[in-house]
Amino acid sequence: MTSKLTSRVVANVFGVSSKWLLVQGHVGRRSLFTAEAIGLEAYEKQRSRTQTQFTGMVDKFRNKMKEFTISDTKNMIFTEDLKHMVHLIENRPEELTLISQMMKRFNNQNRHLRFGTFVFGPVVMRMYHYLNQPTLALEAFMDPELDGLFEQLSTFQVLCDLLYNNEMYQEIINVFEIIKTKQIQGHKYPRNMTILVFAACYKMNTVQSYEYALQLLSDMKAFGTEPVRRVTSYAAALAINQNAPQIALEILTTTRNTNYVTIRNLKILALAELNRPDDCLPIIRYSIEFDNPDALKKHSVCQEVLEKVMLSVDRLGNKEVSLEFERINKALVSSQQISTSTLADLLNTEIVATQPMTSGTQGQGQEQRNVDRSFRMGRNDFKPKRSPTYERDIRRSIKHE
């Protein structure tokens, strides 16, 4: 039987609060999207090709561009000029100033003379991302002289990913409020932008960010946009951090597939915080009794979450519930289904590939993540499996009754 002493020791080590549980993770910054997902790898490859092409000529080209940006000159900045400079730029103040002047001159030229189809917005933001210049990227986005240059969903995503990496969470929300009014390609709530916004709210973890997130969820529902699973996970985790596990449970009910590890662990944690361990146990037991042969990993439960359930079981003081938790925990250990990954790790797993940025229900459930599939609970073809440890303990308990 789970002892009170054990739970007190566990509480001292793990159980300071659910806020500690969900906010802590790997030390240092982590990107939300991989370099491939935001096109940064492609930018770096093109940068390498351009620098090879301009071997021995970079300084000459740069000086010529400086002459072309002088206010009283009649020289024009053409598409190829700006493309080259975007891929040749180094992280030096004078070059950052030059690229800004080139963009403004290019954008203010007679638009009728531009017949190319090259779209600069995403590439420029990838340039700033590569150079890690979030403030300059944001200034460029907000600059009236560059109006019309940054009107693409992918541009918004790269910009906000850069802001996220630099912990500029309020700025992400500010950018999103501007994007909503534009409704680019008819999307008021672009898929990847909503992920970034809710990630920012989760990271901020304030009353204001919590209220903003709840209102945004309500607005999305009213607009007919169904939030993707990552959005739901961030919103539920934020609710738990704000001591509102009951709200977290309501948020999680909007998820169609509850078999994903993050959703399941969040639900278990919310129930434990509500002192309903008896409702946690059937969810945990499900991990033992069912298996998907195609899954890359077994159905796992986070160790942190189990510790929270243990404390909740002790608070309840019900002998039968304690015995059942003991059996389940032993079976999980035996089948190696207890994960050492934290919920923060799961929530902030990098997104490695995405569908085209859409709103609504298009493409939902299709975004792939590097660890997501490892912890995925599978499809609907679950097959019962026998857990020798769990069933043996059940038989023993029946025999002694």
Foldseek 3Di string as FASTA:
>chain_A
DQDPVVLVVLCVVFNPDLLCQAQDADPAFDFQADCVALVLVVLLVVLVVLCVVCVPNVVVLLVVLVVQLPPPDPHAQAPVSLVSLLSPDDLDPVSLVSNLSNLLRNQPPDPVVHDDPDQCLSSNLSSCLVSLPLVSLLCCVPDPSNPPNNQDPSSLLSNLSSCRRVLVLVVLVVVLVVQLVVCRVVFNPWQSSLLSNLVSLLNVLDPVSLVVLVVVCVVCVVVQWQHFPLSLLSNLSSCSSVVNLVVSLVSLVSDPDCQFQSNLQSNLQSCLSVLNLVVNLVSLVCQLFKADPPALAGQAHEPSSLSSSSSSVVVVVDPVSNLSSVQSVVLCVVVVRYDPHGSNCVSSFHFHHADPTHTHPPCHPPGDTPCRSNNGRDDPPMDTDDRVSSVVSVVVVVVVD
